[in-house]
């Protein structure tokens, strides 16, 4: 399965170092709202950059979105990814409010998608 990382802050480096432990996953590319951070991350890891979140979500090869953004962004990005038909693995917390987290679970269930969060 192909994954895309959204968010290239420090936690994304940890995900990159452990990606080799999961041979069933392939990195399709990454996106970050900071062009400088995205450019530096891609140069260091040899990853493909996406020009926008919309471009990642429209990519038919991407099966799973790995949401590594700031906690305040988790709900909205995860909601958009589920609406685009993508499975989502989100860093903790899933959302900042219980009602939002419950909504995401319901969206994933209704669409037959997998939604998981760390740890």
PDB file of N, CA and C in Angstrom:
ATOM      1  N   UNK A   1       0.840  -1.178   0.000  1.00  0.00           N
ATOM      2  CA  UNK A   1       0.000   0.000   0.000  1.00  0.00           C
ATOM      3  C   UNK A   1       0.887   1.244   0.000  1.00  0.00           C
ATOM      4  N   UNK A   2       0.401   2.264  -0.659  1.00  0.00           N
ATOM      5  CA  UNK A   2       1.151   3.515  -0.717  1.00  0.00           C
ATOM      6  C   UNK A   2       0.591   4.497   0.305  1.00  0.00           C
ATOM      7  N   UNK A   3       1.525   5.160   0.988  1.00  0.00           N
ATOM      8  CA  UNK A   3       1.161   6.139   1.994  1.00  0.00           C
ATOM      9  C   UNK A   3       1.693   7.511   1.611  1.00  0.00           C
ATOM     10  N   UNK A   4       1.074   8.521   2.178  1.00  0.00           N
ATOM     11  CA  UNK A   4       1.571   9.890   2.053  1.00  0.00           C
ATOM     12  C   UNK A   4       1.597  10.497   3.449  1.00  0.00           C
ATOM     13  N   UNK A   5       2.695  11.152   3.777  1.00  0.00           N
ATOM     14  CA  UNK A   5       2.809  11.846   5.049  1.00  0.00           C
ATOM     15  C   UNK A   5       2.332  13.277   4.872  1.00  0.00           C
ATOM     16  N   UNK A   6       1.491  13.726   5.782  1.00  0.00           N
ATOM     17  CA  UNK A   6       1.074  15.111   5.817  1.00  0.00           C
ATOM     18  C   UNK A   6       1.679  15.695   7.086  1.00  0.00           C
ATOM     19  N   UNK A   7       2.576  16.648   6.908  1.00  0.00           N
ATOM     20  CA  UNK A   7       3.310  17.231   8.036  1.00  0.00           C
ATOM     21  C   UNK A   7       4.711  16.661   8.079  1.00  0.00           C
ATOM     22  N   UNK A   8       5.694  17.545   8.015  1.00  0.00           N
ATOM     23  CA  UNK A   8       7.095  17.089   7.984  1.00  0.00           C
ATOM     24  C   UNK A   8       7.895  17.658   9.155  1.00  0.00           C
ATOM     25  N   UNK A   9       7.233  17.849  10.290  1.00  0.00           N
ATOM     26  CA  UNK A   9       7.940  18.280  11.492  1.00  0.00           C
ATOM     27  C   UNK A   9       8.788  17.145  12.045  1.00  0.00           C
ATOM     28  N   UNK A  10       9.301  17.334  13.260  1.00  0.00           N
ATOM     29  CA  UNK A  10      10.277  16.381  13.803  1.00  0.00           C
ATOM     30  C   UNK A  10       9.749  14.959  13.905  1.00  0.00           C
ATOM     31  N   UNK A  11       8.460  14.771  14.178  1.00  0.00           N
ATOM     32  CA  UNK A  11       7.942  13.403  14.313  1.00  0.00           C
ATOM     33  C   UNK A  11       7.978  12.664  12.975  1.00  0.00           C
ATOM     34  N   UNK A  12       7.913  13.379  11.863  1.00  0.00           N
ATOM     35  CA  UNK A  12       7.962  12.736  10.549  1.00  0.00           C
ATOM     36  C   UNK A  12       9.293  12.022  10.331  1.00  0.00           C
ATOM     37  N   UNK A  13      10.363  12.545  10.895  1.00  0.00           N
ATOM     38  CA  UNK A  13      11.662  11.879  10.774  1.00  0.00           C
ATOM     39  C   UNK A  13      11.637  10.505  11.432  1.00  0.00           C
ATOM     40  N   UNK A  14      10.954  10.386  12.566  1.00  0.00           N
ATOM     41  CA  UNK A  14      10.828   9.084  13.229  1.00  0.00           C
ATOM     42  C   UNK A  14      10.066   8.097  12.353  1.00  0.00           C
ATOM     43  N   UNK A  15       9.020   8.571  11.719  1.00  0.00           N
ATOM     44  CA  UNK A  15       8.255   7.701  10.826  1.00  0.00           C
ATOM     45  C   UNK A  15       9.116   7.243   9.643  1.00  0.00           C
ATOM     46  N   UNK A  16       9.937   8.126   9.128  1.00  0.00           N
ATOM     47  CA  UNK A  16      10.810   7.760   8.006  1.00  0.00           C
ATOM     48  C   UNK A  16      11.831   6.702   8.411  1.00  0.00           C
ATOM     49  N   UNK A  17      12.364   6.800   9.625  1.00  0.00           N
ATOM     50  CA  UNK A  17      13.372   5.826  10.049  1.00  0.00           C
ATOM     51  C   UNK A  17      12.764   4.449  10.293  1.00  0.00           C
ATOM     52  N   UNK A  18      11.484   4.391  10.610  1.00  0.00           N
ATOM     53  CA  UNK A  18      10.852   3.091  10.868  1.00  0.00           C
ATOM     54  C   UNK A  18      10.093   2.542   9.661  1.00  0.00           C
ATOM     55  N   UNK A  19       9.996   3.307   8.602  1.00  0.00           N
ATOM     56  CA  UNK A  19       9.264   2.862   7.412  1.00  0.00           C
ATOM     57  C   UNK A  19       9.845   1.563   6.844  1.00  0.00           C
ATOM     58  N   UNK A  20      11.144   1.406   6.923  1.00  0.00           N
ATOM     59  CA  UNK A  20      11.789   0.190   6.404  1.00  0.00           C
ATOM     60  C   UNK A  20      11.326  -1.066   7.147  1.00  0.00           C
ATOM     61  N   UNK A  21      10.813  -0.905   8.365  1.00  0.00           N
ATOM     62  CA  UNK A  21      10.311  -2.041   9.148  1.00  0.00           C
ATOM     63  C   UNK A  21       8.955  -2.534   8.650  1.00  0.00           C
ATOM     64  N   UNK A  22       8.381  -1.832   7.684  1.00  0.00           N
ATOM     65  CA  UNK A  22       7.056  -2.164   7.169  1.00  0.00           C
ATOM     66  C   UNK A  22       7.128  -2.317   5.647  1.00  0.00           C
ATOM     67  N   UNK A  23       7.635  -3.451   5.167  1.00  0.00           N
ATOM     68  CA  UNK A  23       7.846  -3.628   3.732  1.00  0.00           C
ATOM     69  C   UNK A  23       6.569  -3.574   2.893  1.00  0.00           C
ATOM     70  N   UNK A  24       5.421  -3.694   3.519  1.00  0.00           N
ATOM     71  CA  UNK A  24       4.168  -3.616   2.783  1.00  0.00           C
ATOM     72  C   UNK A  24       3.740  -2.186   2.487  1.00  0.00           C
ATOM     73  N   UNK A  25       4.481  -1.220   3.017  1.00  0.00           N
ATOM     74  CA  UNK A  25       4.153   0.187   2.806  1.00  0.00           C
ATOM     75  C   UNK A  25       5.194   0.852   1.929  1.00  0.00           C
ATOM     76  N   UNK A  26       4.742   1.677   1.016  1.00  0.00           N
ATOM     77  CA  UNK A  26       5.625   2.468   0.154  1.00  0.00           C
ATOM     78  C   UNK A  26       5.249   3.922   0.305  1.00  0.00           C
ATOM     79  N   UNK A  27       6.249   4.780   0.408  1.00  0.00           N
ATOM     80  CA  UNK A  27       6.002   6.211   0.514  1.00  0.00           C
ATOM     81  C   UNK A  27       5.768   6.794  -0.869  1.00  0.00           C
ATOM     82  N   UNK A  28       4.559   7.314  -1.092  1.00  0.00           N
ATOM     83  CA  UNK A  28       4.246   7.968  -2.364  1.00  0.00           C
ATOM     84  C   UNK A  28       4.768   9.396  -2.375  1.00  0.00           C
ATOM     85  N   UNK A  29       4.722  10.059  -1.225  1.00  0.00           N
ATOM     86  CA  UNK A  29       5.191  11.435  -1.143  1.00  0.00           C
ATOM     87  C   UNK A  29       4.761  12.079   0.157  1.00  0.00           C
ATOM     88  N   UNK A  30       5.108  13.356   0.275  1.00  0.00           N
ATOM     89  CA  UNK A  30       4.834  14.098   1.500  1.00  0.00           C
ATOM     90  C   UNK A  30       4.344  15.500   1.170  1.00  0.00           C
ATOM     91  N   UNK A  31       3.639  16.085   2.128  1.00  0.00           N
ATOM     92  CA  UNK A  31       3.202  17.468   1.996  1.00  0.00           C
ATOM     93  C   UNK A  31       3.327  18.167   3.345  1.00  0.00           C
ATOM     94  N   UNK A  32       3.698  19.427   3.291  1.00  0.00           N
ATOM     95  CA  UNK A  32       3.727  20.280   4.474  1.00  0.00           C
ATOM     96  C   UNK A  32       3.318  21.678   4.039  1.00  0.00           C
ATOM     97  N   UNK A  33       2.608  22.386   4.906  1.00  0.00           N
ATOM     98  CA  UNK A  33       2.166  23.738   4.554  1.00  0.00           C
ATOM     99  C   UNK A  33       3.314  24.731   4.511  1.00  0.00           C
ATOM    100  N   UNK A  34       4.456  24.361   5.102  1.00  0.00           N
ATOM    101  CA  UNK A  34       5.648  25.209   5.051  1.00  0.00           C
ATOM    102  C   UNK A  34       6.522  24.755   3.881  1.00  0.00           C
ATOM    103  N   UNK A  35       6.625  25.570   2.828  1.00  0.00           N
ATOM    104  CA  UNK A  35       7.454  25.167   1.678  1.00  0.00           C
ATOM    105  C   UNK A  35       8.915  24.917   2.051  1.00  0.00           C
ATOM    106  N   UNK A  36       9.454  25.707   2.962  1.00  0.00           N
ATOM    107  CA  UNK A  36      10.850  25.518   3.367  1.00  0.00           C
ATOM    108  C   UNK A  36      11.041  24.195   4.097  1.00  0.00           C
ATOM    109  N   UNK A  37      10.139  23.894   5.022  1.00  0.00           N
ATOM    110  CA  UNK A  37      10.241  22.630   5.761  1.00  0.00           C
ATOM    111  C   UNK A  37      10.042  21.447   4.816  1.00  0.00           C
ATOM    112  N   UNK A  38       9.093  21.560   3.889  1.00  0.00           N
ATOM    113  CA  UNK A  38       8.850  20.497   2.909  1.00  0.00           C
ATOM    114  C   UNK A  38      10.084  20.271   2.047  1.00  0.00           C
ATOM    115  N   UNK A  39      10.673  21.336   1.557  1.00  0.00           N
ATOM    116  CA  UNK A  39      11.856  21.232   0.698  1.00  0.00           C
ATOM    117  C   UNK A  39      13.017  20.568   1.449  1.00  0.00           C
ATOM    118  N   UNK A  40      13.256  20.985   2.689  1.00  0.00           N
ATOM    119  CA  UNK A  40      14.358  20.418   3.479  1.00  0.00           C
ATOM    120  C   UNK A  40      14.118  18.932   3.770  1.00  0.00           C
ATOM    121  N   UNK A  41      12.894  18.580   4.124  1.00  0.00           N
ATOM    122  CA  UNK A  41      12.558  17.185   4.433  1.00  0.00           C
ATOM    123  C   UNK A  41      12.766  16.305   3.202  1.00  0.00           C
ATOM    124  N   UNK A  42      12.254  16.758   2.063  1.00  0.00           N
ATOM    125  CA  UNK A  42      12.367  15.973   0.826  1.00  0.00           C
ATOM    126  C   UNK A  42      13.821  15.829   0.391  1.00  0.00           C
ATOM    127  N   UNK A  43      14.604  16.882   0.553  1.00  0.00           N
ATOM    128  CA  UNK A  43      16.025  16.805   0.195  1.00  0.00           C
ATOM    129  C   UNK A  43      16.749  15.808   1.092  1.00  0.00           C
ATOM    130  N   UNK A  44      16.439  15.818   2.368  1.00  0.00           N
ATOM    131  CA  UNK A  44      17.121  14.935   3.313  1.00  0.00           C
ATOM    132  C   UNK A  44      16.719  13.476   3.117  1.00  0.00           C
ATOM    133  N   UNK A  45      15.429  13.228   2.914  1.00  0.00           N
ATOM    134  CA  UNK A  45      14.933  11.852   2.834  1.00  0.00           C
ATOM    135  C   UNK A  45      14.750  11.343   1.406  1.00  0.00           C
ATOM    136  N   UNK A  46      14.934  12.200   0.421  1.00  0.00           N
ATOM    137  CA  UNK A  46      14.729  11.786  -0.960  1.00  0.00           C
ATOM    138  C   UNK A  46      13.273  11.493  -1.272  1.00  0.00           C
ATOM    139  N   UNK A  47      12.384  12.207  -0.611  1.00  0.00           N
ATOM    140  CA  UNK A  47      10.944  11.982  -0.788  1.00  0.00           C
ATOM    141  C   UNK A  47      10.373  12.902  -1.861  1.00  0.00           C
ATOM    142  N   UNK A  48       9.269  12.469  -2.429  1.00  0.00           N
ATOM    143  CA  UNK A  48       8.567  13.263  -3.437  1.00  0.00           C
ATOM    144  C   UNK A  48       7.659  14.277  -2.736  1.00  0.00           C
ATOM    145  N   UNK A  49       7.779  15.560  -3.077  1.00  0.00           N
ATOM    146  CA  UNK A  49       6.884  16.556  -2.479  1.00  0.00           C
ATOM    147  C   UNK A  49       5.586  16.682  -3.272  1.00  0.00           C
ATOM    148  N   UNK A  50       4.501  16.901  -2.566  1.00  0.00           N
ATOM    149  CA  UNK A  50       3.233  17.285  -3.187  1.00  0.00           C
ATOM    150  C   UNK A  50       3.075  18.788  -3.003  1.00  0.00           C
ATOM    151  N   UNK A  51       2.475  19.443  -3.990  1.00  0.00           N
ATOM    152  CA  UNK A  51       2.353  20.903  -3.951  1.00  0.00           C
ATOM    153  C   UNK A  51       1.207  21.382  -3.072  1.00  0.00           C
ATOM    154  N   UNK A  52       0.274  20.486  -2.717  1.00  0.00           N
ATOM    155  CA  UNK A  52      -0.849  20.887  -1.879  1.00  0.00           C
ATOM    156  C   UNK A  52      -1.481  19.660  -1.233  1.00  0.00           C
ATOM    157  N   UNK A  53      -2.257  19.902  -0.197  1.00  0.00           N
ATOM    158  CA  UNK A  53      -3.013  18.820   0.419  1.00  0.00           C
ATOM    159  C   UNK A  53      -4.007  18.242  -0.577  1.00  0.00           C
ATOM    160  N   UNK A  54      -4.614  19.111  -1.355  1.00  0.00           N
ATOM    161  CA  UNK A  54      -5.580  18.659  -2.357  1.00  0.00           C
ATOM    162  C   UNK A  54      -4.940  17.711  -3.373  1.00  0.00           C
ATOM    163  N   UNK A  55      -3.690  17.985  -3.739  1.00  0.00           N
ATOM    164  CA  UNK A  55      -2.983  17.117  -4.682  1.00  0.00           C
ATOM    165  C   UNK A  55      -2.750  15.729  -4.085  1.00  0.00           C
ATOM    166  N   UNK A  56      -2.424  15.676  -2.797  1.00  0.00           N
ATOM    167  CA  UNK A  56      -2.241  14.380  -2.134  1.00  0.00           C
ATOM    168  C   UNK A  56      -3.556  13.613  -2.116  1.00  0.00           C
ATOM    169  N   UNK A  57      -4.620  14.298  -1.720  1.00  0.00           N
ATOM    170  CA  UNK A  57      -5.910  13.630  -1.583  1.00  0.00           C
ATOM    171  C   UNK A  57      -6.476  13.180  -2.924  1.00  0.00           C
ATOM    172  N   UNK A  58      -6.082  13.851  -3.994  1.00  0.00           N
ATOM    173  CA  UNK A  58      -6.550  13.479  -5.333  1.00  0.00           C
ATOM    174  C   UNK A  58      -5.702  12.371  -5.960  1.00  0.00           C
ATOM    175  N   UNK A  59      -4.586  12.030  -5.363  1.00  0.00           N
ATOM    176  CA  UNK A  59      -3.664  11.024  -5.906  1.00  0.00           C
ATOM    177  C   UNK A  59      -4.265   9.627  -5.750  1.00  0.00           C
ATOM    178  N   UNK A  60      -4.633   8.975  -6.854  1.00  0.00           N
ATOM    179  CA  UNK A  60      -5.272   7.655  -6.747  1.00  0.00           C
ATOM    180  C   UNK A  60      -4.348   6.577  -6.191  1.00  0.00           C
ATOM    181  N   UNK A  61      -3.050   6.750  -6.308  1.00  0.00           N
ATOM    182  CA  UNK A  61      -2.114   5.739  -5.806  1.00  0.00           C
ATOM    183  C   UNK A  61      -1.985   5.754  -4.290  1.00  0.00           C
ATOM    184  N   UNK A  62      -2.361   6.848  -3.655  1.00  0.00           N
ATOM    185  CA  UNK A  62      -2.231   6.957  -2.196  1.00  0.00           C
ATOM    186  C   UNK A  62      -3.416   6.270  -1.537  1.00  0.00           C
ATOM    187  N   UNK A  63      -3.111   5.242  -0.743  1.00  0.00           N
ATOM    188  CA  UNK A  63      -4.137   4.494  -0.034  1.00  0.00           C
ATOM    189  C   UNK A  63      -4.352   5.022   1.383  1.00  0.00           C
ATOM    190  N   UNK A  64      -3.247   5.419   2.024  1.00  0.00           N
ATOM    191  CA  UNK A  64      -3.282   5.800   3.436  1.00  0.00           C
ATOM    192  C   UNK A  64      -2.655   7.177   3.620  1.00  0.00           C
ATOM    193  N   UNK A  65      -3.353   8.024   4.340  1.00  0.00           N
ATOM    194  CA  UNK A  65      -2.805   9.310   4.756  1.00  0.00           C
ATOM    195  C   UNK A  65      -2.292   9.147   6.175  1.00  0.00           C
ATOM    196  N   UNK A  66      -1.051   9.547   6.398  1.00  0.00           N
ATOM    197  CA  UNK A  66      -0.467   9.556   7.738  1.00  0.00           C
ATOM    198  C   UNK A  66      -0.434  11.017   8.170  1.00  0.00           C
ATOM    199  N   UNK A  67      -1.315  11.363   9.101  1.00  0.00           N
ATOM    200  CA  UNK A  67      -1.497  12.747   9.527  1.00  0.00           C
ATOM    201  C   UNK A  67      -0.557  13.060  10.685  1.00  0.00           C
ATOM    202  N   UNK A  68       0.508  13.793  10.361  1.00  0.00           N
ATOM    203  CA  UNK A  68       1.529  14.152  11.353  1.00  0.00           C
ATOM    204  C   UNK A  68       1.550  15.658  11.600  1.00  0.00           C
ATOM    205  N   UNK A  69       0.429  16.301  11.394  1.00  0.00           N
ATOM    206  CA  UNK A  69       0.336  17.743  11.559  1.00  0.00           C
ATOM    207  C   UNK A  69       0.184  18.094  13.038  1.00  0.00           C
ATOM    208  N   UNK A  70       0.012  19.378  13.317  1.00  0.00           N
ATOM    209  CA  UNK A  70      -0.191  19.809  14.700  1.00  0.00           C
ATOM    210  C   UNK A  70      -1.551  19.299  15.194  1.00  0.00           C
ATOM    211  N   UNK A  71      -1.680  19.049  16.493  1.00  0.00           N
ATOM    212  CA  UNK A  71      -2.936  18.511  17.011  1.00  0.00           C
ATOM    213  C   UNK A  71      -4.175  19.322  16.612  1.00  0.00           C
ATOM    214  N   UNK A  72      -4.043  20.615  16.524  1.00  0.00           N
ATOM    215  CA  UNK A  72      -5.177  21.463  16.162  1.00  0.00           C
ATOM    216  C   UNK A  72      -5.640  21.214  14.725  1.00  0.00           C
ATOM    217  N   UNK A  73      -4.791  20.652  13.900  1.00  0.00           N
ATOM    218  CA  UNK A  73      -5.113  20.382  12.498  1.00  0.00           C
ATOM    219  C   UNK A  73      -5.595  18.957  12.256  1.00  0.00           C
ATOM    220  N   UNK A  74      -5.456  18.089  13.231  1.00  0.00           N
ATOM    221  CA  UNK A  74      -5.760  16.671  13.036  1.00  0.00           C
ATOM    222  C   UNK A  74      -7.185  16.435  12.546  1.00  0.00           C
ATOM    223  N   UNK A  75      -8.152  17.062  13.193  1.00  0.00           N
ATOM    224  CA  UNK A  75      -9.551  16.828  12.839  1.00  0.00           C
ATOM    225  C   UNK A  75      -9.822  17.199  11.381  1.00  0.00           C
ATOM    226  N   UNK A  76      -9.467  18.407  10.987  1.00  0.00           N
ATOM    227  CA  UNK A  76      -9.818  18.884   9.643  1.00  0.00           C
ATOM    228  C   UNK A  76      -9.111  18.082   8.556  1.00  0.00           C
ATOM    229  N   UNK A  77      -7.842  17.799   8.730  1.00  0.00           N
ATOM    230  CA  UNK A  77      -7.104  17.049   7.707  1.00  0.00           C
ATOM    231  C   UNK A  77      -7.594  15.605   7.642  1.00  0.00           C
ATOM    232  N   UNK A  78      -7.840  15.006   8.780  1.00  0.00           N
ATOM    233  CA  UNK A  78      -8.362  13.638   8.794  1.00  0.00           C
ATOM    234  C   UNK A  78      -9.747  13.594   8.158  1.00  0.00           C
ATOM    235  N   UNK A  79     -10.590  14.573   8.448  1.00  0.00           N
ATOM    236  CA  UNK A  79     -11.928  14.638   7.857  1.00  0.00           C
ATOM    237  C   UNK A  79     -11.839  14.731   6.336  1.00  0.00           C
ATOM    238  N   UNK A  80     -10.952  15.591   5.845  1.00  0.00           N
ATOM    239  CA  UNK A  80     -10.784  15.736   4.395  1.00  0.00           C
ATOM    240  C   UNK A  80     -10.267  14.443   3.763  1.00  0.00           C
ATOM    241  N   UNK A  81      -9.340  13.787   4.434  1.00  0.00           N
ATOM    242  CA  UNK A  81      -8.783  12.540   3.899  1.00  0.00           C
ATOM    243  C   UNK A  81      -9.849  11.449   3.825  1.00  0.00           C
ATOM    244  N   UNK A  82     -10.650  11.328   4.869  1.00  0.00           N
ATOM    245  CA  UNK A  82     -11.726  10.339   4.857  1.00  0.00           C
ATOM    246  C   UNK A  82     -12.738  10.660   3.756  1.00  0.00           C
ATOM    247  N   UNK A  83     -13.063  11.933   3.598  1.00  0.00           N
ATOM    248  CA  UNK A  83     -14.000  12.343   2.552  1.00  0.00           C
ATOM    249  C   UNK A  83     -13.456  12.018   1.162  1.00  0.00           C
ATOM    250  N   UNK A  84     -12.120  11.998   1.034  1.00  0.00           N
ATOM    251  CA  UNK A  84     -11.485  11.664  -0.243  1.00  0.00           C
ATOM    252  C   UNK A  84     -11.340  10.156  -0.434  1.00  0.00           C
ATOM    253  N   UNK A  85     -11.818   9.372   0.524  1.00  0.00           N
ATOM    254  CA  UNK A  85     -11.765   7.923   0.396  1.00  0.00           C
ATOM    255  C   UNK A  85     -10.445   7.297   0.801  1.00  0.00           C
ATOM    256  N   UNK A  86      -9.682   7.989   1.644  1.00  0.00           N
ATOM    257  CA  UNK A  86      -8.385   7.478   2.083  1.00  0.00           C
ATOM    258  C   UNK A  86      -8.493   6.895   3.492  1.00  0.00           C
ATOM    259  N   UNK A  87      -7.777   5.815   3.740  1.00  0.00           N
ATOM    260  CA  UNK A  87      -7.588   5.330   5.098  1.00  0.00           C
ATOM    261  C   UNK A  87      -6.685   6.350   5.795  1.00  0.00           C
ATOM    262  N   UNK A  88      -6.800   6.459   7.122  1.00  0.00           N
ATOM    263  CA  UNK A  88      -6.017   7.460   7.843  1.00  0.00           C
ATOM    264  C   UNK A  88      -5.398   6.863   9.092  1.00  0.00           C
ATOM    265  N   UNK A  89      -4.113   7.167   9.258  1.00  0.00           N
ATOM    266  CA  UNK A  89      -3.416   6.943  10.525  1.00  0.00           C
ATOM    267  C   UNK A  89      -3.025   8.321  11.023  1.00  0.00           C
ATOM    268  N   UNK A  90      -3.489   8.682  12.202  1.00  0.00           N
ATOM    269  CA  UNK A  90      -3.291  10.029  12.729  1.00  0.00           C
ATOM    270  C   UNK A  90      -2.478   9.975  14.013  1.00  0.00           C
ATOM    271  N   UNK A  91      -1.529  10.873  14.134  1.00  0.00           N
ATOM    272  CA  UNK A  91      -0.824  11.027  15.403  1.00  0.00           C
ATOM    273  C   UNK A  91      -1.837  11.451  16.457  1.00  0.00           C
ATOM    274  N   UNK A  92      -1.479  11.280  17.707  1.00  0.00           N
ATOM    275  CA  UNK A  92      -2.380  11.644  18.797  1.00  0.00           C
ATOM    276  C   UNK A  92      -2.386  13.153  19.014  1.00  0.00           C
ATOM    277  N   UNK A  93      -3.478  13.696  19.435  1.00  0.00           N
ATOM    278  CA  UNK A  93      -4.806  13.123  19.583  1.00  0.00           C
ATOM    279  C   UNK A  93      -5.534  13.103  18.241  1.00  0.00           C
ATOM    280  N   UNK A  94      -6.549  12.288  18.134  1.00  0.00           N
ATOM    281  CA  UNK A  94      -7.314  12.215  16.897  1.00  0.00           C
ATOM    282  C   UNK A  94      -7.992  13.548  16.603  1.00  0.00           C
ATOM    283  N   UNK A  95      -8.489  14.201  17.639  1.00  0.00           N
ATOM    284  CA  UNK A  95      -9.127  15.514  17.513  1.00  0.00           C
ATOM    285  C   UNK A  95      -9.009  16.209  18.865  1.00  0.00           C
ATOM    286  N   UNK A  96      -9.282  17.487  18.880  1.00  0.00           N
ATOM    287  CA  UNK A  96      -9.177  18.248  20.121  1.00  0.00           C
ATOM    288  C   UNK A  96     -10.455  18.172  20.954  1.00  0.00           C
ATOM    289  N   UNK A  97     -11.548  17.721  20.347  1.00  0.00           N
ATOM    290  CA  UNK A  97     -12.815  17.577  21.056  1.00  0.00           C
ATOM    291  C   UNK A  97     -13.371  16.174  20.812  1.00  0.00           C
ATOM    292  N   UNK A  98     -13.964  15.610  21.842  1.00  0.00           N
ATOM    293  CA  UNK A  98     -14.519  14.261  21.746  1.00  0.00           C
ATOM    294  C   UNK A  98     -15.563  14.156  20.634  1.00  0.00           C
ATOM    295  N   UNK A  99     -16.381  15.176  20.483  1.00  0.00           N
ATOM    296  CA  UNK A  99     -17.416  15.152  19.452  1.00  0.00           C
ATOM    297  C   UNK A  99     -16.795  15.054  18.058  1.00  0.00           C
ATOM    298  N   UNK A 100     -15.688  15.746  17.841  1.00  0.00           N
ATOM    299  CA  UNK A 100     -15.005  15.700  16.548  1.00  0.00           C
ATOM    300  C   UNK A 100     -14.419  14.312  16.311  1.00  0.00           C
ATOM    301  N   UNK A 101     -13.805  13.743  17.328  1.00  0.00           N
ATOM    302  CA  UNK A 101     -13.242  12.395  17.197  1.00  0.00           C
ATOM    303  C   UNK A 101     -14.345  11.383  16.883  1.00  0.00           C
ATOM    304  N   UNK A 102     -15.471  11.508  17.557  1.00  0.00           N
ATOM    305  CA  UNK A 102     -16.611  10.610  17.304  1.00  0.00           C
ATOM    306  C   UNK A 102     -17.117  10.762  15.877  1.00  0.00           C
ATOM    307  N   UNK A 103     -17.140  11.985  15.394  1.00  0.00           N
ATOM    308  CA  UNK A 103     -17.571  12.232  14.011  1.00  0.00           C
ATOM    309  C   UNK A 103     -16.638  11.546  13.019  1.00  0.00           C
ATOM    310  N   UNK A 104     -15.321  11.625  13.266  1.00  0.00           N
ATOM    311  CA  UNK A 104     -14.351  10.991  12.373  1.00  0.00           C
ATOM    312  C   UNK A 104     -14.528   9.478  12.358  1.00  0.00           C
ATOM    313  N   UNK A 105     -14.758   8.890  13.521  1.00  0.00           N
ATOM    314  CA  UNK A 105     -14.979   7.446  13.601  1.00  0.00           C
ATOM    315  C   UNK A 105     -16.228   7.071  12.804  1.00  0.00           C
ATOM    316  N   UNK A 106     -17.277   7.855  12.942  1.00  0.00           N
ATOM    317  CA  UNK A 106     -18.514   7.580  12.206  1.00  0.00           C
ATOM    318  C   UNK A 106     -18.310   7.726  10.700  1.00  0.00           C
ATOM    319  N   UNK A 107     -17.556   8.746  10.286  1.00  0.00           N
ATOM    320  CA  UNK A 107     -17.273   8.933   8.855  1.00  0.00           C
ATOM    321  C   UNK A 107     -16.506   7.738   8.291  1.00  0.00           C
ATOM    322  N   UNK A 108     -15.498   7.292   9.015  1.00  0.00           N
ATOM    323  CA  UNK A 108     -14.697   6.152   8.562  1.00  0.00           C
ATOM    324  C   UNK A 108     -15.557   4.897   8.483  1.00  0.00           C
ATOM    325  N   UNK A 109     -16.347   4.657   9.505  1.00  0.00           N
ATOM    326  CA  UNK A 109     -17.231   3.471   9.511  1.00  0.00           C
ATOM    327  C   UNK A 109     -18.191   3.501   8.320  1.00  0.00           C
ATOM    328  N   UNK A 110     -18.811   4.652   8.089  1.00  0.00           N
ATOM    329  CA  UNK A 110     -19.786   4.769   7.008  1.00  0.00           C
ATOM    330  C   UNK A 110     -19.157   4.529   5.645  1.00  0.00           C
ATOM    331  N   UNK A 111     -17.880   4.917   5.500  1.00  0.00           N
ATOM    332  CA  UNK A 111     -17.199   4.773   4.218  1.00  0.00           C
ATOM    333  C   UNK A 111     -16.445   3.454   4.088  1.00  0.00           C
ATOM    334  N   UNK A 112     -16.434   2.651   5.141  1.00  0.00           N
ATOM    335  CA  UNK A 112     -15.693   1.397   5.106  1.00  0.00           C
ATOM    336  C   UNK A 112     -14.188   1.595   5.102  1.00  0.00           C
ATOM    337  N   UNK A 113     -13.744   2.674   5.752  1.00  0.00           N
ATOM    338  CA  UNK A 113     -12.324   3.010   5.794  1.00  0.00           C
ATOM    339  C   UNK A 113     -11.745   2.718   7.169  1.00  0.00           C
ATOM    340  N   UNK A 114     -10.452   2.470   7.210  1.00  0.00           N
ATOM    341  CA  UNK A 114      -9.773   2.262   8.465  1.00  0.00           C
ATOM    342  C   UNK A 114      -9.273   3.604   8.984  1.00  0.00           C
ATOM    343  N   UNK A 115      -9.534   3.854  10.250  1.00  0.00           N
ATOM    344  CA  UNK A 115      -9.056   5.044  10.950  1.00  0.00           C
ATOM    345  C   UNK A 115      -8.347   4.583  12.193  1.00  0.00           C
ATOM    346  N   UNK A 116      -7.090   4.956  12.333  1.00  0.00           N
ATOM    347  CA  UNK A 116      -6.309   4.579  13.491  1.00  0.00           C
ATOM    348  C   UNK A 116      -5.551   5.793  14.001  1.00  0.00           C
ATOM    349  N   UNK A 117      -5.194   5.730  15.270  1.00  0.00           N
ATOM    350  CA  UNK A 117      -4.431   6.830  15.861  1.00  0.00           C
ATOM    351  C   UNK A 117      -3.366   6.260  16.785  1.00  0.00           C
ATOM    352  N   UNK A 118      -2.316   7.035  16.975  1.00  0.00           N
ATOM    353  CA  UNK A 118      -1.200   6.620  17.814  1.00  0.00           C
ATOM    354  C   UNK A 118      -1.475   6.992  19.253  1.00  0.00           C
ATOM    355  N   UNK A 119      -0.800   6.353  20.127  1.00  0.00           N
ATOM    356  CA  UNK A 119      -0.657   4.901  20.296  1.00  0.00           C
ATOM    357  C   UNK A 119      -1.956   4.291  20.714  1.00  0.00           C
TER     358      UNK A 119
END
